[in-house]
Amino acid sequence: QVQLVESGGGLVQPGGSLRLSCVPSGRIFSLYTMGWYRQAPGKQRELVAAITNGGTTNYADSAKGRFTISRDNVKNTMYLQMYSLKPEDTAVYYCNAHAPLLGIDYWGQGTQVTVSS
């Protein structure tokens, strides 16, 4: 069982920046694809960005050019750096660990991001 703990959400004005962090309970980056998802009220959960165990990154079109996913193996932390935030980025952001060969997914508890003036 893997536990994921997110932090870094909050209220930010349009055009502002936030950095989300996700710390897993073990050193899993070499085994799992890590990702950030978000879910806005009344909408389905959607992928924002992902990074494979090999370091390949993938972004939703809405995130390209504004968000950066990364991980620090020494600190055992994954990040989502978000710039130029828009009101439509408002959502609960979830950290995900996915093991494709095992079909396993772990989720964090979520962190709220609100973009509003």
N, C-alpha and C. Protein backbone atom coordinates (compact mmCIF):
# COMPACT_ATOMS: atom_id res chain seq x y z
N GLN A 1 0.84 -1.19 0.00
CA GLN A 1 0.00 0.00 0.00
C GLN A 1 0.88 1.24 0.00
N VAL A 2 0.61 2.14 -0.93
CA VAL A 2 1.35 3.40 -1.04
C VAL A 2 0.44 4.54 -0.63
N GLN A 3 0.95 5.38 0.20
CA GLN A 3 0.23 6.59 0.58
C GLN A 3 0.87 7.79 -0.08
N LEU A 4 0.03 8.69 -0.56
CA LEU A 4 0.50 9.89 -1.25
C LEU A 4 -0.06 11.10 -0.51
N VAL A 5 0.80 12.04 -0.21
CA VAL A 5 0.39 13.23 0.53
C VAL A 5 0.69 14.46 -0.31
N GLU A 6 -0.38 15.19 -0.66
CA GLU A 6 -0.22 16.41 -1.44
C GLU A 6 -0.20 17.63 -0.53
N SER A 7 0.41 18.67 -1.03
CA SER A 7 0.39 19.96 -0.35
C SER A 7 0.64 21.06 -1.37
N GLY A 8 0.40 22.29 -0.96
CA GLY A 8 0.72 23.42 -1.80
C GLY A 8 -0.45 24.12 -2.45
N GLY A 9 -1.65 23.59 -2.28
CA GLY A 9 -2.81 24.25 -2.85
C GLY A 9 -3.13 25.53 -2.11
N GLY A 10 -4.08 26.28 -2.68
CA GLY A 10 -4.49 27.52 -2.02
C GLY A 10 -5.25 28.41 -2.96
N LEU A 11 -5.42 29.64 -2.52
CA LEU A 11 -6.11 30.66 -3.30
C LEU A 11 -5.08 31.55 -3.97
N VAL A 12 -5.24 31.75 -5.26
CA VAL A 12 -4.30 32.58 -6.01
C VAL A 12 -5.08 33.40 -7.02
N GLN A 13 -4.57 34.57 -7.31
CA GLN A 13 -5.23 35.43 -8.30
C GLN A 13 -4.91 34.96 -9.72
N PRO A 14 -5.79 35.26 -10.66
CA PRO A 14 -5.49 34.93 -12.06
C PRO A 14 -4.13 35.50 -12.48
N GLY A 15 -3.37 34.67 -13.18
CA GLY A 15 -2.03 35.04 -13.58
C GLY A 15 -0.96 34.66 -12.58
N GLY A 16 -1.38 34.20 -11.42
CA GLY A 16 -0.44 33.83 -10.37
C GLY A 16 0.14 32.44 -10.55
N SER A 17 0.94 32.04 -9.57
CA SER A 17 1.63 30.75 -9.62
C SER A 17 1.44 29.99 -8.33
N LEU A 18 1.52 28.68 -8.44
CA LEU A 18 1.52 27.79 -7.29
C LEU A 18 2.39 26.60 -7.61
N ARG A 19 2.93 26.00 -6.56
CA ARG A 19 3.66 24.74 -6.73
C ARG A 19 3.06 23.70 -5.80
N LEU A 20 2.58 22.64 -6.39
CA LEU A 20 2.05 21.52 -5.63
C LEU A 20 3.14 20.49 -5.40
N SER A 21 3.07 19.83 -4.26
CA SER A 21 4.03 18.77 -3.93
C SER A 21 3.29 17.50 -3.59
N CYS A 22 3.92 16.39 -3.88
CA CYS A 22 3.37 15.07 -3.55
C CYS A 22 4.50 14.21 -3.01
N VAL A 23 4.31 13.70 -1.81
CA VAL A 23 5.32 12.84 -1.19
C VAL A 23 4.74 11.45 -1.00
N PRO A 24 5.30 10.45 -1.64
CA PRO A 24 4.83 9.08 -1.42
C PRO A 24 5.43 8.49 -0.15
N SER A 25 4.79 7.44 0.34
CA SER A 25 5.25 6.82 1.59
C SER A 25 6.49 5.98 1.41
N GLY A 26 6.85 5.68 0.16
CA GLY A 26 8.07 4.93 -0.10
C GLY A 26 8.74 5.45 -1.35
N ARG A 27 9.89 4.91 -1.65
CA ARG A 27 10.63 5.34 -2.85
C ARG A 27 10.12 4.53 -4.04
N ILE A 28 9.19 5.13 -4.75
CA ILE A 28 8.45 4.40 -5.79
C ILE A 28 8.66 4.96 -7.19
N PHE A 29 9.42 6.05 -7.32
CA PHE A 29 9.52 6.72 -8.61
C PHE A 29 10.10 5.80 -9.69
N SER A 30 10.93 4.86 -9.31
CA SER A 30 11.52 3.97 -10.30
C SER A 30 10.55 2.89 -10.77
N LEU A 31 9.42 2.78 -10.08
CA LEU A 31 8.47 1.71 -10.38
C LEU A 31 7.16 2.21 -10.98
N TYR A 32 6.81 3.44 -10.65
CA TYR A 32 5.49 3.94 -11.00
C TYR A 32 5.56 5.13 -11.94
N THR A 33 4.52 5.26 -12.76
CA THR A 33 4.25 6.52 -13.44
C THR A 33 3.51 7.41 -12.46
N MET A 34 4.02 8.58 -12.26
CA MET A 34 3.41 9.53 -11.33
C MET A 34 2.65 10.59 -12.12
N GLY A 35 1.54 11.01 -11.56
CA GLY A 35 0.75 12.00 -12.28
C GLY A 35 -0.02 12.93 -11.38
N TRP A 36 -0.44 14.03 -11.97
CA TRP A 36 -1.35 14.97 -11.33
C TRP A 36 -2.65 14.97 -12.12
N TYR A 37 -3.73 14.82 -11.39
CA TYR A 37 -5.07 14.90 -11.95
C TYR A 37 -5.80 16.03 -11.23
N ARG A 38 -6.89 16.47 -11.84
CA ARG A 38 -7.71 17.46 -11.17
C ARG A 38 -9.18 17.18 -11.45
N GLN A 39 -9.99 17.64 -10.51
CA GLN A 39 -11.44 17.48 -10.66
C GLN A 39 -12.12 18.75 -10.21
N ALA A 40 -12.79 19.38 -11.14
CA ALA A 40 -13.57 20.58 -10.84
C ALA A 40 -15.00 20.18 -10.50
N PRO A 41 -15.72 21.02 -9.78
CA PRO A 41 -17.10 20.67 -9.41
C PRO A 41 -17.94 20.36 -10.64
N GLY A 42 -18.62 19.23 -10.58
CA GLY A 42 -19.51 18.84 -11.67
C GLY A 42 -18.81 18.27 -12.88
N LYS A 43 -17.50 18.09 -12.80
CA LYS A 43 -16.75 17.56 -13.93
C LYS A 43 -16.03 16.29 -13.55
N GLN A 44 -15.62 15.54 -14.58
CA GLN A 44 -14.87 14.32 -14.34
C GLN A 44 -13.41 14.64 -14.00
N ARG A 45 -12.80 13.73 -13.30
CA ARG A 45 -11.39 13.87 -13.01
C ARG A 45 -10.60 13.74 -14.31
N GLU A 46 -9.62 14.62 -14.49
CA GLU A 46 -8.86 14.62 -15.73
C GLU A 46 -7.36 14.67 -15.44
N LEU A 47 -6.61 14.07 -16.35
CA LEU A 47 -5.16 14.11 -16.23
C LEU A 47 -4.65 15.51 -16.55
N VAL A 48 -3.74 15.99 -15.72
CA VAL A 48 -3.09 17.28 -15.97
C VAL A 48 -1.69 17.05 -16.53
N ALA A 49 -0.93 16.21 -15.85
CA ALA A 49 0.44 15.94 -16.28
C ALA A 49 0.90 14.63 -15.66
N ALA A 50 1.84 13.98 -16.33
CA ALA A 50 2.37 12.72 -15.82
C ALA A 50 3.85 12.62 -16.14
N ILE A 51 4.55 11.83 -15.34
CA ILE A 51 5.97 11.57 -15.58
C ILE A 51 6.21 10.09 -15.34
N THR A 52 6.80 9.43 -16.33
CA THR A 52 7.03 8.00 -16.21
C THR A 52 8.25 7.72 -15.34
N ASN A 53 8.44 6.42 -15.03
CA ASN A 53 9.62 6.08 -14.23
C ASN A 53 10.90 6.40 -14.99
N GLY A 54 10.82 6.49 -16.30
CA GLY A 54 11.98 6.85 -17.11
C GLY A 54 12.17 8.34 -17.28
N GLY A 55 11.22 9.11 -16.78
CA GLY A 55 11.35 10.57 -16.85
C GLY A 55 10.63 11.23 -18.00
N THR A 56 9.92 10.47 -18.80
CA THR A 56 9.15 11.05 -19.89
C THR A 56 7.92 11.76 -19.33
N THR A 57 7.68 12.96 -19.81
CA THR A 57 6.55 13.74 -19.31
C THR A 57 5.46 13.85 -20.36
N ASN A 58 4.25 14.05 -19.88
CA ASN A 58 3.09 14.18 -20.74
C ASN A 58 2.15 15.20 -20.11
N TYR A 59 1.58 16.07 -20.94
CA TYR A 59 0.72 17.14 -20.43
C TYR A 59 -0.60 17.18 -21.17
N ALA A 60 -1.63 17.54 -20.43
CA ALA A 60 -2.89 17.88 -21.08
C ALA A 60 -2.69 19.16 -21.88
N ASP A 61 -3.47 19.31 -22.92
CA ASP A 61 -3.34 20.52 -23.75
C ASP A 61 -3.51 21.78 -22.91
N SER A 62 -4.38 21.73 -21.94
CA SER A 62 -4.65 22.90 -21.11
C SER A 62 -3.46 23.27 -20.23
N ALA A 63 -2.56 22.32 -20.02
CA ALA A 63 -1.42 22.54 -19.14
C ALA A 63 -0.13 22.87 -19.89
N LYS A 64 -0.09 22.56 -21.15
CA LYS A 64 1.14 22.75 -21.93
C LYS A 64 1.54 24.23 -21.96
N GLY A 65 2.81 24.45 -21.67
CA GLY A 65 3.33 25.81 -21.68
C GLY A 65 3.13 26.57 -20.39
N ARG A 66 2.29 26.05 -19.50
CA ARG A 66 2.04 26.75 -18.24
C ARG A 66 2.43 25.94 -17.01
N PHE A 67 2.31 24.61 -17.11
CA PHE A 67 2.60 23.74 -15.98
C PHE A 67 3.84 22.89 -16.27
N THR A 68 4.56 22.57 -15.21
CA THR A 68 5.72 21.68 -15.33
C THR A 68 5.67 20.64 -14.23
N ILE A 69 5.72 19.38 -14.65
CA ILE A 69 5.80 18.28 -13.69
C ILE A 69 7.25 17.87 -13.53
N SER A 70 7.63 17.57 -12.31
CA SER A 70 9.01 17.15 -12.07
C SER A 70 9.04 16.31 -10.80
N ARG A 71 10.19 15.71 -10.58
CA ARG A 71 10.35 14.95 -9.35
C ARG A 71 11.79 15.10 -8.87
N ASP A 72 11.94 15.02 -7.57
CA ASP A 72 13.25 15.08 -6.92
C ASP A 72 13.47 13.75 -6.21
N ASN A 73 14.32 12.92 -6.78
CA ASN A 73 14.53 11.59 -6.21
C ASN A 73 15.18 11.65 -4.83
N VAL A 74 16.00 12.65 -4.60
CA VAL A 74 16.66 12.77 -3.29
C VAL A 74 15.63 13.13 -2.22
N LYS A 75 14.77 14.09 -2.53
CA LYS A 75 13.74 14.50 -1.59
C LYS A 75 12.51 13.60 -1.64
N ASN A 76 12.49 12.68 -2.61
CA ASN A 76 11.34 11.77 -2.76
C ASN A 76 10.04 12.56 -2.88
N THR A 77 10.06 13.56 -3.73
CA THR A 77 8.92 14.44 -3.88
C THR A 77 8.66 14.71 -5.36
N MET A 78 7.39 14.73 -5.71
CA MET A 78 6.98 15.10 -7.05
C MET A 78 6.32 16.47 -6.97
N TYR A 79 6.50 17.26 -8.02
CA TYR A 79 6.00 18.62 -8.03
C TYR A 79 5.14 18.88 -9.26
N LEU A 80 4.26 19.85 -9.11
CA LEU A 80 3.59 20.44 -10.26
C LEU A 80 3.72 21.95 -10.10
N GLN A 81 4.56 22.53 -10.92
CA GLN A 81 4.72 23.98 -10.92
C GLN A 81 3.72 24.56 -11.90
N MET A 82 2.89 25.47 -11.42
CA MET A 82 1.83 26.04 -12.24
C MET A 82 2.03 27.54 -12.36
N TYR A 83 2.06 28.02 -13.58
CA TYR A 83 2.19 29.45 -13.87
C TYR A 83 0.96 29.92 -14.63
N SER A 84 0.80 31.24 -14.68
CA SER A 84 -0.29 31.85 -15.47
C SER A 84 -1.62 31.18 -15.19
N LEU A 85 -1.92 31.03 -13.93
CA LEU A 85 -3.14 30.31 -13.57
C LEU A 85 -4.39 31.08 -13.99
N LYS A 86 -5.40 30.30 -14.36
CA LYS A 86 -6.66 30.84 -14.85
C LYS A 86 -7.79 30.37 -13.94
N PRO A 87 -8.90 31.08 -13.91
CA PRO A 87 -10.03 30.61 -13.10
C PRO A 87 -10.45 29.19 -13.45
N GLU A 88 -10.32 28.81 -14.70
CA GLU A 88 -10.71 27.45 -15.09
C GLU A 88 -9.75 26.37 -14.59
N ASP A 89 -8.64 26.78 -13.98
CA ASP A 89 -7.75 25.81 -13.33
C ASP A 89 -8.23 25.45 -11.93
N THR A 90 -9.25 26.13 -11.46
CA THR A 90 -9.79 25.85 -10.14
C THR A 90 -10.31 24.43 -10.07
N ALA A 91 -9.81 23.67 -9.10
CA ALA A 91 -10.17 22.26 -8.96
C ALA A 91 -9.46 21.69 -7.74
N VAL A 92 -9.85 20.48 -7.40
CA VAL A 92 -9.07 19.70 -6.45
C VAL A 92 -8.04 18.92 -7.26
N TYR A 93 -6.79 19.05 -6.88
CA TYR A 93 -5.69 18.40 -7.58
C TYR A 93 -5.25 17.16 -6.79
N TYR A 94 -5.14 16.06 -7.52
CA TYR A 94 -4.80 14.78 -6.90
C TYR A 94 -3.48 14.24 -7.44
N CYS A 95 -2.70 13.71 -6.55
CA CYS A 95 -1.49 12.99 -6.93
C CYS A 95 -1.85 11.53 -7.18
N ASN A 96 -1.25 10.96 -8.20
CA ASN A 96 -1.53 9.57 -8.58
C ASN A 96 -0.24 8.81 -8.81
N ALA A 97 -0.23 7.56 -8.37
CA ALA A 97 0.87 6.65 -8.68
C ALA A 97 0.27 5.46 -9.41
N HIS A 98 0.79 5.20 -10.60
CA HIS A 98 0.20 4.17 -11.47
C HIS A 98 1.26 3.15 -11.85
N ALA A 99 0.95 1.87 -11.61
CA ALA A 99 1.83 0.78 -12.02
C ALA A 99 1.14 0.07 -13.19
N PRO A 100 1.51 0.39 -14.42
CA PRO A 100 0.78 -0.12 -15.57
C PRO A 100 0.77 -1.64 -15.69
N LEU A 101 1.87 -2.31 -15.37
CA LEU A 101 1.92 -3.77 -15.51
C LEU A 101 1.09 -4.46 -14.44
N LEU A 102 0.92 -3.82 -13.32
CA LEU A 102 0.14 -4.40 -12.23
C LEU A 102 -1.29 -3.91 -12.22
N GLY A 103 -1.56 -2.85 -12.97
CA GLY A 103 -2.91 -2.28 -12.96
C GLY A 103 -3.28 -1.68 -11.64
N ILE A 104 -2.31 -1.14 -10.94
CA ILE A 104 -2.53 -0.57 -9.62
C ILE A 104 -2.50 0.95 -9.70
N ASP A 105 -3.40 1.58 -9.00
CA ASP A 105 -3.42 3.04 -8.87
C ASP A 105 -3.56 3.41 -7.40
N TYR A 106 -2.77 4.36 -6.99
CA TYR A 106 -2.90 4.95 -5.67
C TYR A 106 -3.19 6.44 -5.84
N TRP A 107 -3.98 6.97 -4.91
CA TRP A 107 -4.39 8.37 -4.98
C TRP A 107 -4.12 9.08 -3.66
N GLY A 108 -3.77 10.34 -3.77
CA GLY A 108 -3.69 11.16 -2.58
C GLY A 108 -5.06 11.69 -2.21
N GLN A 109 -5.10 12.46 -1.15
CA GLN A 109 -6.38 12.97 -0.65
C GLN A 109 -6.84 14.21 -1.39
N GLY A 110 -5.96 14.81 -2.14
CA GLY A 110 -6.31 15.99 -2.93
C GLY A 110 -5.98 17.29 -2.22
N THR A 111 -5.68 18.30 -3.02
CA THR A 111 -5.42 19.63 -2.49
C THR A 111 -6.17 20.64 -3.36
N GLN A 112 -6.86 21.56 -2.72
CA GLN A 112 -7.71 22.51 -3.44
C GLN A 112 -6.88 23.66 -4.01
N VAL A 113 -7.10 23.93 -5.28
CA VAL A 113 -6.52 25.10 -5.94
C VAL A 113 -7.69 25.97 -6.41
N THR A 114 -7.69 27.21 -5.96
CA THR A 114 -8.73 28.15 -6.34
C THR A 114 -8.08 29.38 -6.97
N VAL A 115 -8.48 29.66 -8.20
CA VAL A 115 -7.95 30.82 -8.92
C VAL A 115 -9.08 31.83 -9.05
N SER A 116 -8.94 32.91 -8.32
CA SER A 116 -10.01 33.90 -8.28
C SER A 116 -9.46 35.25 -7.84
N SER A 117 -10.07 36.29 -8.35
CA SER A 117 -9.69 37.63 -7.93
C SER A 117 -10.59 38.11 -6.79
